[in-house]
Amino acid sequence: MTELPFVTRKKGEYQKTMIFRVYNVFLLSPFLINVGIKGKNLNGFARLTLIGMGIGTMLYNGKNLMEDIL
């Protein structure tokens, strides 16, 4: 992970960020995808938006989580 010279990150902030990313990847993203797939009362645009947001959130936060771990 590339550190910017003018940004300082305390240990507590790092842990909060990692917890937030784990939550996004393993709870929020699957929930959004599931609601998008099973939401029969939603119109097509809303369903595709939820699925897209779930996939996008999973990819973005998953990538950043892997960078934080490695």
C-alpha atoms as a PDB file:
ATOM      1  CA  MET A   1       0.000   0.000   0.000  1.00  0.00           C
ATOM      2  CA  THR A   2       1.406   3.386  -0.971  1.00  0.00           C
ATOM      3  CA  GLU A   3       1.449   5.834   1.901  1.00  0.00           C
ATOM      4  CA  LEU A   4       1.079   9.523   1.181  1.00  0.00           C
ATOM      5  CA  PRO A   5       3.625  11.645   3.055  1.00  0.00           C
ATOM      6  CA  PHE A   6       1.035  14.142   4.312  1.00  0.00           C
ATOM      7  CA  VAL A   7      -1.471  11.545   5.557  1.00  0.00           C
ATOM      8  CA  THR A   8      -1.000   9.996   8.966  1.00  0.00           C
ATOM      9  CA  ARG A   9      -3.071   7.052  10.091  1.00  0.00           C
ATOM     10  CA  LYS A  10      -3.278   6.053  13.722  1.00  0.00           C
ATOM     11  CA  LYS A  11      -3.560   2.380  14.659  1.00  0.00           C
ATOM     12  CA  GLY A  12      -7.163   2.753  15.856  1.00  0.00           C
ATOM     13  CA  GLU A  13      -8.180   4.399  12.584  1.00  0.00           C
ATOM     14  CA  TYR A  14      -6.551   1.572  10.620  1.00  0.00           C
ATOM     15  CA  GLN A  15      -8.453  -1.043  12.596  1.00  0.00           C
ATOM     16  CA  LYS A  16     -11.748   0.820  12.152  1.00  0.00           C
ATOM     17  CA  THR A  17     -11.148   1.013   8.408  1.00  0.00           C
ATOM     18  CA  MET A  18     -10.423  -2.708   8.212  1.00  0.00           C
ATOM     19  CA  ILE A  19     -13.534  -3.581  10.240  1.00  0.00           C
ATOM     20  CA  PHE A  20     -15.602  -1.353   7.960  1.00  0.00           C
ATOM     21  CA  ARG A  21     -14.183  -3.045   4.860  1.00  0.00           C
ATOM     22  CA  VAL A  22     -14.830  -6.540   6.247  1.00  0.00           C
ATOM     23  CA  TYR A  23     -18.421  -5.497   7.000  1.00  0.00           C
ATOM     24  CA  ASN A  24     -18.855  -4.149   3.455  1.00  0.00           C
ATOM     25  CA  VAL A  25     -17.375  -7.204   1.739  1.00  0.00           C
ATOM     26  CA  PHE A  26     -19.022  -9.961   3.782  1.00  0.00           C
ATOM     27  CA  LEU A  27     -22.345  -8.460   4.950  1.00  0.00           C
ATOM     28  CA  LEU A  28     -23.456  -5.377   3.033  1.00  0.00           C
ATOM     29  CA  SER A  29     -22.498  -6.452  -0.488  1.00  0.00           C
ATOM     30  CA  PRO A  30     -24.157  -9.899  -0.350  1.00  0.00           C
ATOM     31  CA  PHE A  31     -27.249  -8.277   1.172  1.00  0.00           C
ATOM     32  CA  LEU A  32     -27.514  -5.740  -1.664  1.00  0.00           C
ATOM     33  CA  ILE A  33     -27.021  -8.442  -4.288  1.00  0.00           C
ATOM     34  CA  ASN A  34     -29.582 -10.713  -2.619  1.00  0.00           C
ATOM     35  CA  VAL A  35     -32.212  -7.956  -2.409  1.00  0.00           C
ATOM     36  CA  GLY A  36     -31.542  -7.065  -6.040  1.00  0.00           C
ATOM     37  CA  ILE A  37     -32.018 -10.659  -7.165  1.00  0.00           C
ATOM     38  CA  LYS A  38     -34.993 -11.570  -4.979  1.00  0.00           C
ATOM     39  CA  GLY A  39     -36.773  -8.184  -4.896  1.00  0.00           C
ATOM     40  CA  LYS A  40     -39.798  -9.084  -7.003  1.00  0.00           C
ATOM     41  CA  ASN A  41     -41.620  -5.819  -6.207  1.00  0.00           C
ATOM     42  CA  LEU A  42     -38.750  -3.670  -7.502  1.00  0.00           C
ATOM     43  CA  ASN A  43     -38.598  -2.373 -11.045  1.00  0.00           C
ATOM     44  CA  GLY A  44     -35.766  -3.462 -13.333  1.00  0.00           C
ATOM     45  CA  PHE A  45     -33.674  -0.328 -12.822  1.00  0.00           C
ATOM     46  CA  ALA A  46     -33.780  -0.611  -9.016  1.00  0.00           C
ATOM     47  CA  ARG A  47     -32.863  -4.288  -9.145  1.00  0.00           C
ATOM     48  CA  LEU A  48     -29.907  -3.706 -11.477  1.00  0.00           C
ATOM     49  CA  THR A  49     -28.773  -0.746  -9.368  1.00  0.00           C
ATOM     50  CA  LEU A  50     -28.751  -2.814  -6.165  1.00  0.00           C
ATOM     51  CA  ILE A  51     -26.904  -5.675  -7.833  1.00  0.00           C
ATOM     52  CA  GLY A  52     -24.391  -3.256  -9.385  1.00  0.00           C
ATOM     53  CA  MET A  53     -23.835  -1.446  -6.090  1.00  0.00           C
ATOM     54  CA  GLY A  54     -23.318  -4.771  -4.307  1.00  0.00           C
ATOM     55  CA  ILE A  55     -20.782  -5.979  -6.865  1.00  0.00           C
ATOM     56  CA  GLY A  56     -19.024  -2.612  -6.974  1.00  0.00           C
ATOM     57  CA  THR A  57     -18.833  -2.387  -3.187  1.00  0.00           C
ATOM     58  CA  MET A  58     -17.500  -5.934  -2.963  1.00  0.00           C
ATOM     59  CA  LEU A  59     -14.814  -5.352  -5.595  1.00  0.00           C
ATOM     60  CA  TYR A  60     -13.691  -1.935  -4.298  1.00  0.00           C
ATOM     61  CA  ASN A  61     -13.593  -2.810  -0.612  1.00  0.00           C
ATOM     62  CA  GLY A  62     -12.262  -6.314  -1.276  1.00  0.00           C
ATOM     63  CA  LYS A  63      -9.337  -4.879  -3.225  1.00  0.00           C
ATOM     64  CA  ASN A  64      -8.571  -2.350  -0.496  1.00  0.00           C
ATOM     65  CA  LEU A  65      -8.940  -4.956   2.225  1.00  0.00           C
ATOM     66  CA  MET A  66      -6.452  -7.228   0.476  1.00  0.00           C
ATOM     67  CA  GLU A  67      -4.013  -4.314   0.169  1.00  0.00           C
ATOM     68  CA  ASP A  68      -4.381  -3.595   3.905  1.00  0.00           C
ATOM     69  CA  ILE A  69      -3.828  -7.253   4.833  1.00  0.00           C
ATOM     70  CA  LEU A  70      -0.865  -7.814   2.518  1.00  0.00           C
END
